[in-house]
Amino acid sequence: MILLHSLGGVRPVHEFALRTIDAGAGTASELGRRLSVSKQAAATTIAALQQLGYVIREVDPDDARRKRVQVTPRGHEMI
């Protein structure tokens, strides 16, 4: 419990998701597939990670409908 508090509310699933994003799961759909969860669950996890400053979302230059996710330096520190 102290560990989670010291990491600002980060849950084990967040670290697993960060590692998966860092390994190439650059969209909510891809993260959902790799984690075997729905796209909506993956998007919720990404939103939490973004709020904590561990990931950023940017518009994909090849498809404006898609948002690419990348781990931030702060996210790499957490991993």
N, C-alpha and C. Protein backbone atom coordinates (compact mmCIF):
# COMPACT_ATOMS: atom_id res chain seq x y z
N MET A 1 0.82 -1.19 0.00
CA MET A 1 0.00 0.00 0.00
C MET A 1 0.86 1.25 0.00
N ILE A 2 1.91 1.26 0.76
CA ILE A 2 2.81 2.41 0.80
C ILE A 2 3.44 2.62 -0.57
N LEU A 3 3.80 1.52 -1.23
CA LEU A 3 4.42 1.61 -2.55
C LEU A 3 3.48 2.30 -3.54
N LEU A 4 2.21 1.88 -3.56
CA LEU A 4 1.27 2.49 -4.49
C LEU A 4 1.06 3.96 -4.17
N HIS A 5 1.01 4.30 -2.90
CA HIS A 5 0.83 5.70 -2.52
C HIS A 5 2.04 6.53 -2.96
N SER A 6 3.24 5.97 -2.78
CA SER A 6 4.44 6.72 -3.14
C SER A 6 4.57 6.91 -4.65
N LEU A 7 3.89 6.06 -5.41
CA LEU A 7 3.92 6.19 -6.86
C LEU A 7 2.72 6.97 -7.40
N GLY A 8 2.02 7.65 -6.53
CA GLY A 8 0.92 8.50 -6.98
C GLY A 8 -0.29 7.72 -7.45
N GLY A 9 -0.60 6.59 -6.82
CA GLY A 9 -1.79 5.83 -7.18
C GLY A 9 -1.59 4.87 -8.34
N VAL A 10 -0.39 4.62 -8.75
CA VAL A 10 -0.13 3.69 -9.85
C VAL A 10 -0.45 2.28 -9.41
N ARG A 11 -1.19 1.58 -10.25
CA ARG A 11 -1.55 0.19 -9.97
C ARG A 11 -0.66 -0.72 -10.81
N PRO A 12 -0.54 -1.99 -10.41
CA PRO A 12 0.28 -2.93 -11.19
C PRO A 12 -0.11 -2.99 -12.66
N VAL A 13 -1.39 -2.88 -12.97
CA VAL A 13 -1.82 -2.92 -14.37
C VAL A 13 -1.25 -1.74 -15.15
N HIS A 14 -1.03 -0.63 -14.49
CA HIS A 14 -0.45 0.53 -15.17
C HIS A 14 0.97 0.25 -15.64
N GLU A 15 1.76 -0.39 -14.78
CA GLU A 15 3.13 -0.71 -15.19
C GLU A 15 3.13 -1.71 -16.33
N PHE A 16 2.25 -2.71 -16.25
CA PHE A 16 2.15 -3.70 -17.32
C PHE A 16 1.76 -3.02 -18.63
N ALA A 17 0.80 -2.10 -18.57
CA ALA A 17 0.37 -1.37 -19.77
C ALA A 17 1.51 -0.51 -20.31
N LEU A 18 2.24 0.17 -19.42
CA LEU A 18 3.37 0.99 -19.87
C LEU A 18 4.41 0.16 -20.61
N ARG A 19 4.72 -1.00 -20.05
CA ARG A 19 5.70 -1.87 -20.70
C ARG A 19 5.20 -2.33 -22.07
N THR A 20 3.91 -2.59 -22.17
CA THR A 20 3.32 -3.03 -23.43
C THR A 20 3.32 -1.90 -24.45
N ILE A 21 3.00 -0.70 -24.02
CA ILE A 21 3.05 0.47 -24.91
C ILE A 21 4.48 0.70 -25.38
N ASP A 22 5.43 0.61 -24.46
CA ASP A 22 6.84 0.82 -24.79
C ASP A 22 7.34 -0.24 -25.77
N ALA A 23 6.72 -1.42 -25.74
CA ALA A 23 7.11 -2.51 -26.65
C ALA A 23 6.43 -2.41 -28.01
N GLY A 24 5.63 -1.33 -28.22
CA GLY A 24 5.07 -1.12 -29.54
C GLY A 24 3.57 -1.05 -29.66
N ALA A 25 2.84 -1.24 -28.57
CA ALA A 25 1.38 -1.10 -28.63
C ALA A 25 1.05 0.38 -28.61
N GLY A 26 1.00 0.99 -29.77
CA GLY A 26 0.89 2.43 -29.87
C GLY A 26 -0.51 3.00 -29.96
N THR A 27 -1.54 2.15 -29.90
CA THR A 27 -2.93 2.63 -29.92
C THR A 27 -3.73 1.87 -28.88
N ALA A 28 -4.90 2.40 -28.54
CA ALA A 28 -5.77 1.71 -27.58
C ALA A 28 -6.19 0.35 -28.11
N SER A 29 -6.44 0.25 -29.40
CA SER A 29 -6.83 -1.03 -29.98
C SER A 29 -5.72 -2.06 -29.84
N GLU A 30 -4.51 -1.66 -30.15
CA GLU A 30 -3.37 -2.57 -30.06
C GLU A 30 -3.10 -2.95 -28.60
N LEU A 31 -3.17 -1.98 -27.70
CA LEU A 31 -2.97 -2.28 -26.28
C LEU A 31 -4.03 -3.25 -25.80
N GLY A 32 -5.28 -3.04 -26.18
CA GLY A 32 -6.35 -3.95 -25.81
C GLY A 32 -6.10 -5.36 -26.30
N ARG A 33 -5.67 -5.49 -27.55
CA ARG A 33 -5.38 -6.82 -28.10
C ARG A 33 -4.26 -7.51 -27.32
N ARG A 34 -3.20 -6.77 -27.04
CA ARG A 34 -2.06 -7.38 -26.36
C ARG A 34 -2.35 -7.71 -24.90
N LEU A 35 -3.24 -6.94 -24.27
CA LEU A 35 -3.58 -7.20 -22.87
C LEU A 35 -4.82 -8.08 -22.73
N SER A 36 -5.43 -8.43 -23.87
CA SER A 36 -6.67 -9.22 -23.88
C SER A 36 -7.79 -8.54 -23.10
N VAL A 37 -7.94 -7.23 -23.34
CA VAL A 37 -9.04 -6.47 -22.77
C VAL A 37 -9.71 -5.69 -23.90
N SER A 38 -10.87 -5.12 -23.60
CA SER A 38 -11.57 -4.34 -24.62
C SER A 38 -10.80 -3.06 -24.94
N LYS A 39 -11.12 -2.51 -26.11
CA LYS A 39 -10.51 -1.24 -26.50
C LYS A 39 -10.89 -0.16 -25.48
N GLN A 40 -12.11 -0.22 -24.97
CA GLN A 40 -12.57 0.76 -23.99
C GLN A 40 -11.78 0.66 -22.69
N ALA A 41 -11.49 -0.57 -22.24
CA ALA A 41 -10.69 -0.75 -21.02
C ALA A 41 -9.28 -0.23 -21.25
N ALA A 42 -8.73 -0.50 -22.42
CA ALA A 42 -7.39 -0.01 -22.74
C ALA A 42 -7.37 1.52 -22.79
N ALA A 43 -8.40 2.11 -23.38
CA ALA A 43 -8.49 3.57 -23.46
C ALA A 43 -8.59 4.19 -22.07
N THR A 44 -9.31 3.54 -21.17
CA THR A 44 -9.42 4.02 -19.78
C THR A 44 -8.06 3.99 -19.10
N THR A 45 -7.31 2.91 -19.31
CA THR A 45 -5.98 2.80 -18.74
C THR A 45 -5.06 3.86 -19.31
N ILE A 46 -5.12 4.08 -20.61
CA ILE A 46 -4.30 5.11 -21.25
C ILE A 46 -4.64 6.48 -20.69
N ALA A 47 -5.92 6.76 -20.50
CA ALA A 47 -6.33 8.06 -19.95
C ALA A 47 -5.76 8.26 -18.55
N ALA A 48 -5.78 7.20 -17.73
CA ALA A 48 -5.21 7.30 -16.38
C ALA A 48 -3.71 7.55 -16.45
N LEU A 49 -3.02 6.84 -17.34
CA LEU A 49 -1.58 7.02 -17.49
C LEU A 49 -1.25 8.42 -18.01
N GLN A 50 -2.09 8.93 -18.89
CA GLN A 50 -1.87 10.28 -19.41
C GLN A 50 -2.06 11.31 -18.30
N GLN A 51 -3.07 11.12 -17.48
CA GLN A 51 -3.32 12.05 -16.38
C GLN A 51 -2.15 12.06 -15.39
N LEU A 52 -1.50 10.91 -15.21
CA LEU A 52 -0.35 10.81 -14.32
C LEU A 52 0.94 11.31 -14.97
N GLY A 53 0.89 11.60 -16.29
CA GLY A 53 2.06 12.10 -16.99
C GLY A 53 3.00 11.01 -17.48
N TYR A 54 2.52 9.76 -17.53
CA TYR A 54 3.36 8.64 -17.95
C TYR A 54 3.31 8.35 -19.44
N VAL A 55 2.27 8.83 -20.12
CA VAL A 55 2.17 8.68 -21.57
C VAL A 55 1.64 9.98 -22.16
N ILE A 56 1.88 10.13 -23.46
CA ILE A 56 1.26 11.22 -24.21
C ILE A 56 0.52 10.60 -25.38
N ARG A 57 -0.52 11.28 -25.81
CA ARG A 57 -1.28 10.85 -26.99
C ARG A 57 -1.14 11.94 -28.04
N GLU A 58 -0.85 11.51 -29.25
CA GLU A 58 -0.71 12.45 -30.37
C GLU A 58 -1.48 11.91 -31.57
N VAL A 59 -1.91 12.82 -32.42
CA VAL A 59 -2.59 12.41 -33.64
C VAL A 59 -1.59 11.70 -34.54
N ASP A 60 -1.99 10.57 -35.08
CA ASP A 60 -1.16 9.81 -36.01
C ASP A 60 -1.02 10.61 -37.31
N PRO A 61 0.20 10.88 -37.76
CA PRO A 61 0.37 11.67 -38.98
C PRO A 61 -0.18 10.97 -40.23
N ASP A 62 -0.33 9.63 -40.17
CA ASP A 62 -0.84 8.89 -41.33
C ASP A 62 -2.36 8.75 -41.32
N ASP A 63 -2.99 8.93 -40.15
CA ASP A 63 -4.44 8.77 -40.04
C ASP A 63 -4.94 9.65 -38.89
N ALA A 64 -5.52 10.79 -39.22
CA ALA A 64 -5.93 11.76 -38.21
C ALA A 64 -6.99 11.21 -37.25
N ARG A 65 -7.65 10.11 -37.60
CA ARG A 65 -8.65 9.52 -36.71
C ARG A 65 -7.99 8.73 -35.58
N ARG A 66 -6.74 8.37 -35.74
CA ARG A 66 -6.04 7.51 -34.79
C ARG A 66 -5.16 8.34 -33.86
N LYS A 67 -5.14 7.96 -32.60
CA LYS A 67 -4.25 8.60 -31.61
C LYS A 67 -3.13 7.63 -31.28
N ARG A 68 -1.90 8.08 -31.43
CA ARG A 68 -0.73 7.28 -31.08
C ARG A 68 -0.37 7.55 -29.64
N VAL A 69 0.08 6.53 -28.94
CA VAL A 69 0.45 6.65 -27.53
C VAL A 69 1.94 6.38 -27.40
N GLN A 70 2.62 7.20 -26.61
CA GLN A 70 4.05 7.03 -26.36
C GLN A 70 4.32 7.21 -24.88
N VAL A 71 5.27 6.44 -24.37
CA VAL A 71 5.69 6.58 -22.99
C VAL A 71 6.57 7.82 -22.86
N THR A 72 6.32 8.62 -21.84
CA THR A 72 7.10 9.83 -21.59
C THR A 72 8.36 9.48 -20.78
N PRO A 73 9.30 10.40 -20.68
CA PRO A 73 10.47 10.17 -19.81
C PRO A 73 10.05 9.82 -18.38
N ARG A 74 9.01 10.49 -17.88
CA ARG A 74 8.50 10.17 -16.54
C ARG A 74 7.99 8.72 -16.49
N GLY A 75 7.34 8.29 -17.55
CA GLY A 75 6.87 6.90 -17.62
C GLY A 75 8.01 5.91 -17.63
N HIS A 76 9.08 6.25 -18.36
CA HIS A 76 10.26 5.39 -18.37
C HIS A 76 10.90 5.30 -16.98
N GLU A 77 10.89 6.39 -16.25
CA GLU A 77 11.40 6.37 -14.88
C GLU A 77 10.59 5.44 -14.00
N MET A 78 9.26 5.47 -14.20
CA MET A 78 8.39 4.61 -13.39
C MET A 78 8.62 3.14 -13.70
N ILE A 79 8.85 2.84 -14.98
CA ILE A 79 9.10 1.44 -15.36
C ILE A 79 10.39 0.98 -14.73
